[in-house]
Amino acid sequence: MLIVILLAVSVSFDTLGVAMAYAIGGIVIPRKTRLLIALLNGVLTAAAIWLGRLLCAGVPEWLFQILGAAILITLGIKTLWNALGDNKTADYDKDSSRSIDLREGCVVGVVFALDSISAALGILNLGETVYLFPVCTAVLCYVFLLFGGKSPYNLRRLNGVSGIILIAFGLLRLYSGLF
Protein backbone atom coordinates (compact mmCIF):
# COMPACT_ATOMS: atom_id res chain seq x y z
CA MET A 1 0.00 0.00 0.00
CA LEU A 2 2.90 2.35 0.74
CA ILE A 3 4.21 2.02 -2.81
CA VAL A 4 0.79 3.00 -4.17
CA ILE A 5 0.71 6.16 -2.03
CA LEU A 6 4.32 7.11 -2.84
CA LEU A 7 3.72 6.53 -6.53
CA ALA A 8 0.59 8.71 -6.37
CA VAL A 9 2.60 11.50 -4.73
CA SER A 10 5.29 11.14 -7.35
CA VAL A 11 3.00 11.34 -10.40
CA SER A 12 0.90 14.10 -8.82
CA PHE A 13 3.87 16.32 -8.05
CA ASP A 14 3.65 17.82 -11.56
CA THR A 15 0.29 19.25 -10.56
CA LEU A 16 1.92 21.26 -7.81
CA GLY A 17 4.46 22.71 -10.23
CA VAL A 18 1.80 23.68 -12.75
CA ALA A 19 -0.37 25.30 -10.07
CA MET A 20 2.64 27.27 -8.78
CA ALA A 21 3.59 28.40 -12.27
CA TYR A 22 0.04 29.58 -12.90
CA ALA A 23 -0.07 31.40 -9.55
CA ILE A 24 3.17 33.19 -10.39
CA GLY A 25 1.69 34.13 -13.78
CA GLY A 26 -1.48 35.44 -12.13
CA ILE A 27 -3.71 32.66 -13.50
CA VAL A 28 -6.35 31.35 -11.09
CA ILE A 29 -7.76 27.83 -10.97
CA PRO A 30 -11.21 28.16 -9.33
CA ARG A 31 -12.51 25.59 -6.84
CA LYS A 32 -15.02 24.00 -9.27
CA THR A 33 -12.31 23.64 -11.89
CA ARG A 34 -9.91 22.09 -9.35
CA LEU A 35 -12.62 19.59 -8.41
CA LEU A 36 -13.27 18.76 -12.07
CA ILE A 37 -9.56 18.27 -12.79
CA ALA A 38 -9.12 16.00 -9.75
CA LEU A 39 -12.28 14.02 -10.58
CA LEU A 40 -11.22 13.49 -14.19
CA ASN A 41 -7.78 12.38 -13.01
CA GLY A 42 -9.25 9.83 -10.60
CA VAL A 43 -11.99 8.51 -12.88
CA LEU A 44 -9.77 8.12 -15.95
CA THR A 45 -7.07 6.42 -13.88
CA ALA A 46 -9.63 4.02 -12.34
CA ALA A 47 -11.02 3.23 -15.80
CA ALA A 48 -7.52 2.50 -17.10
CA ILE A 49 -6.86 0.15 -14.17
CA TRP A 50 -10.14 -1.67 -14.70
CA LEU A 51 -9.61 -1.99 -18.45
CA GLY A 52 -5.94 -2.90 -18.05
CA ARG A 53 -6.72 -5.68 -15.58
CA LEU A 54 -9.49 -6.98 -17.84
CA LEU A 55 -7.27 -7.03 -20.94
CA CYS A 56 -4.21 -8.42 -19.17
CA ALA A 57 -5.87 -11.32 -17.37
CA GLY A 58 -3.68 -14.38 -17.77
CA VAL A 59 -0.47 -12.45 -18.51
CA PRO A 60 2.46 -14.10 -16.67
CA GLU A 61 3.68 -12.32 -13.52
CA TRP A 62 7.25 -11.91 -14.82
CA LEU A 63 5.98 -10.10 -17.92
CA PHE A 64 3.88 -7.77 -15.74
CA GLN A 65 7.00 -7.00 -13.71
CA ILE A 66 9.10 -6.14 -16.76
CA LEU A 67 6.38 -4.13 -18.54
CA GLY A 68 5.49 -2.30 -15.33
CA ALA A 69 9.14 -1.49 -14.70
CA ALA A 70 9.58 -0.22 -18.27
CA ILE A 71 6.54 2.06 -17.96
CA LEU A 72 7.68 3.49 -14.62
CA ILE A 73 11.27 4.04 -15.80
CA THR A 74 10.07 5.74 -19.00
CA LEU A 75 7.67 7.96 -17.05
CA GLY A 76 10.48 8.81 -14.61
CA ILE A 77 12.89 9.74 -17.39
CA LYS A 78 10.22 11.94 -19.02
CA THR A 79 9.51 13.67 -15.71
CA LEU A 80 13.19 14.18 -14.99
CA TRP A 81 13.81 15.47 -18.52
CA ASN A 82 10.97 17.99 -18.21
CA ALA A 83 12.18 19.15 -14.79
CA LEU A 84 15.75 19.69 -15.94
CA GLY A 85 14.87 21.26 -19.28
CA ASP A 86 13.69 24.76 -20.03
CA ASN A 87 10.19 23.64 -20.98
CA LYS A 88 7.49 26.21 -20.35
CA THR A 89 4.31 25.33 -18.51
CA ALA A 90 1.57 24.60 -21.03
CA ASP A 91 -0.87 27.47 -21.36
CA TYR A 92 -4.36 26.07 -20.94
CA ASP A 93 -5.89 29.54 -20.45
CA LYS A 94 -6.93 29.68 -24.09
CA ASP A 95 -9.31 32.62 -23.68
CA SER A 96 -6.68 34.69 -21.81
CA SER A 97 -9.12 35.29 -18.96
CA ARG A 98 -6.42 34.71 -16.30
CA SER A 99 -8.65 31.91 -14.98
CA ILE A 100 -8.91 28.25 -15.97
CA ASP A 101 -12.61 27.69 -16.68
CA LEU A 102 -14.39 24.31 -16.63
CA ARG A 103 -13.85 23.68 -20.36
CA GLU A 104 -10.14 24.39 -20.07
CA GLY A 105 -10.12 22.34 -16.85
CA CYS A 106 -11.31 19.29 -18.78
CA VAL A 107 -8.21 19.45 -20.95
CA VAL A 108 -5.98 19.92 -17.89
CA GLY A 109 -7.65 16.98 -16.14
CA VAL A 110 -7.05 14.66 -19.08
CA VAL A 111 -3.43 15.78 -19.41
CA PHE A 112 -2.75 15.23 -15.70
CA ALA A 113 -4.48 11.84 -15.90
CA LEU A 114 -2.11 10.62 -18.61
CA ASP A 115 0.83 10.34 -16.19
CA SER A 116 -1.40 8.70 -13.59
CA ILE A 117 -2.72 6.23 -16.17
CA SER A 118 0.82 5.36 -17.27
CA ALA A 119 1.90 4.73 -13.70
CA ALA A 120 -1.28 2.74 -12.97
CA LEU A 121 -0.56 0.44 -15.90
CA GLY A 122 2.86 -0.15 -14.35
CA ILE A 123 1.36 -1.43 -11.09
CA LEU A 124 -1.62 -3.46 -12.33
CA ASN A 125 -0.40 -6.62 -10.67
CA LEU A 126 -0.28 -5.23 -7.13
CA GLY A 127 -3.64 -6.76 -6.28
CA GLU A 128 -6.66 -4.94 -4.97
CA THR A 129 -4.58 -2.12 -3.43
CA VAL A 130 -4.09 -0.79 -6.97
CA TYR A 131 -7.65 0.61 -6.73
CA LEU A 132 -6.43 2.95 -4.00
CA PHE A 133 -4.17 4.62 -6.58
CA PRO A 134 -6.87 6.62 -8.44
CA VAL A 135 -8.30 7.84 -5.14
CA CYS A 136 -4.85 8.99 -4.01
CA THR A 137 -4.08 10.70 -7.31
CA ALA A 138 -7.44 12.51 -7.33
CA VAL A 139 -7.04 13.75 -3.73
CA LEU A 140 -3.41 14.76 -4.25
CA CYS A 141 -4.27 16.48 -7.52
CA TYR A 142 -6.84 18.64 -5.74
CA VAL A 143 -4.58 19.36 -2.76
CA PHE A 144 -1.60 20.23 -4.97
CA LEU A 145 -3.75 22.50 -7.16
CA LEU A 146 -5.08 24.21 -4.05
CA PHE A 147 -1.77 24.77 -2.28
CA GLY A 148 0.26 25.30 -5.44
CA GLY A 149 -2.07 28.11 -6.39
CA LYS A 150 -1.33 29.84 -3.10
CA SER A 151 2.44 29.41 -3.20
CA PRO A 152 4.65 32.35 -4.17
CA TYR A 153 7.49 30.02 -5.18
CA ASN A 154 8.06 28.01 -8.32
CA LEU A 155 9.45 24.64 -7.29
CA ARG A 156 9.29 23.16 -10.80
CA ARG A 157 12.83 21.84 -10.60
CA LEU A 158 11.78 19.69 -7.65
CA ASN A 159 9.75 17.65 -10.14
CA GLY A 160 13.09 16.01 -10.88
CA VAL A 161 12.80 14.32 -7.51
CA SER A 162 9.55 12.66 -8.58
CA GLY A 163 11.27 11.52 -11.79
CA ILE A 164 14.05 9.90 -9.77
CA ILE A 165 11.47 8.20 -7.53
CA LEU A 166 9.63 6.80 -10.56
CA ILE A 167 12.87 5.48 -12.05
CA ALA A 168 13.77 3.90 -8.68
CA PHE A 169 10.34 2.21 -8.45
CA GLY A 170 10.77 0.92 -11.98
CA LEU A 171 14.24 -0.45 -11.25
CA LEU A 172 12.97 -2.12 -8.07
CA ARG A 173 10.13 -3.75 -10.02
CA LEU A 174 12.55 -4.88 -12.70
CA TYR A 175 14.96 -6.27 -10.12
CA SER A 176 12.20 -8.12 -8.23
CA GLY A 177 10.80 -9.43 -11.53
CA LEU A 178 14.10 -10.94 -12.56
CA PHE A 179 14.97 -12.59 -9.26
Foldseek 3Di string as FASTA:
>chain_A
DVVLLLLLCLLLVVLLLLLLLLLLVLAAEDLVLLLLLLVLLLVVLLVLLVVLCVVCPPPDPLVLLLQLLVLLLVLLVVLLCVLPDPDDRDDLPVVPPSYQDNVSSVVNSVVSNVSLNSNLSSCSPVPPCSNVNSVSNSVSSSVSNVVSNVDNDRPSNCSNVSSVVSNVVSVVSNVVSVD
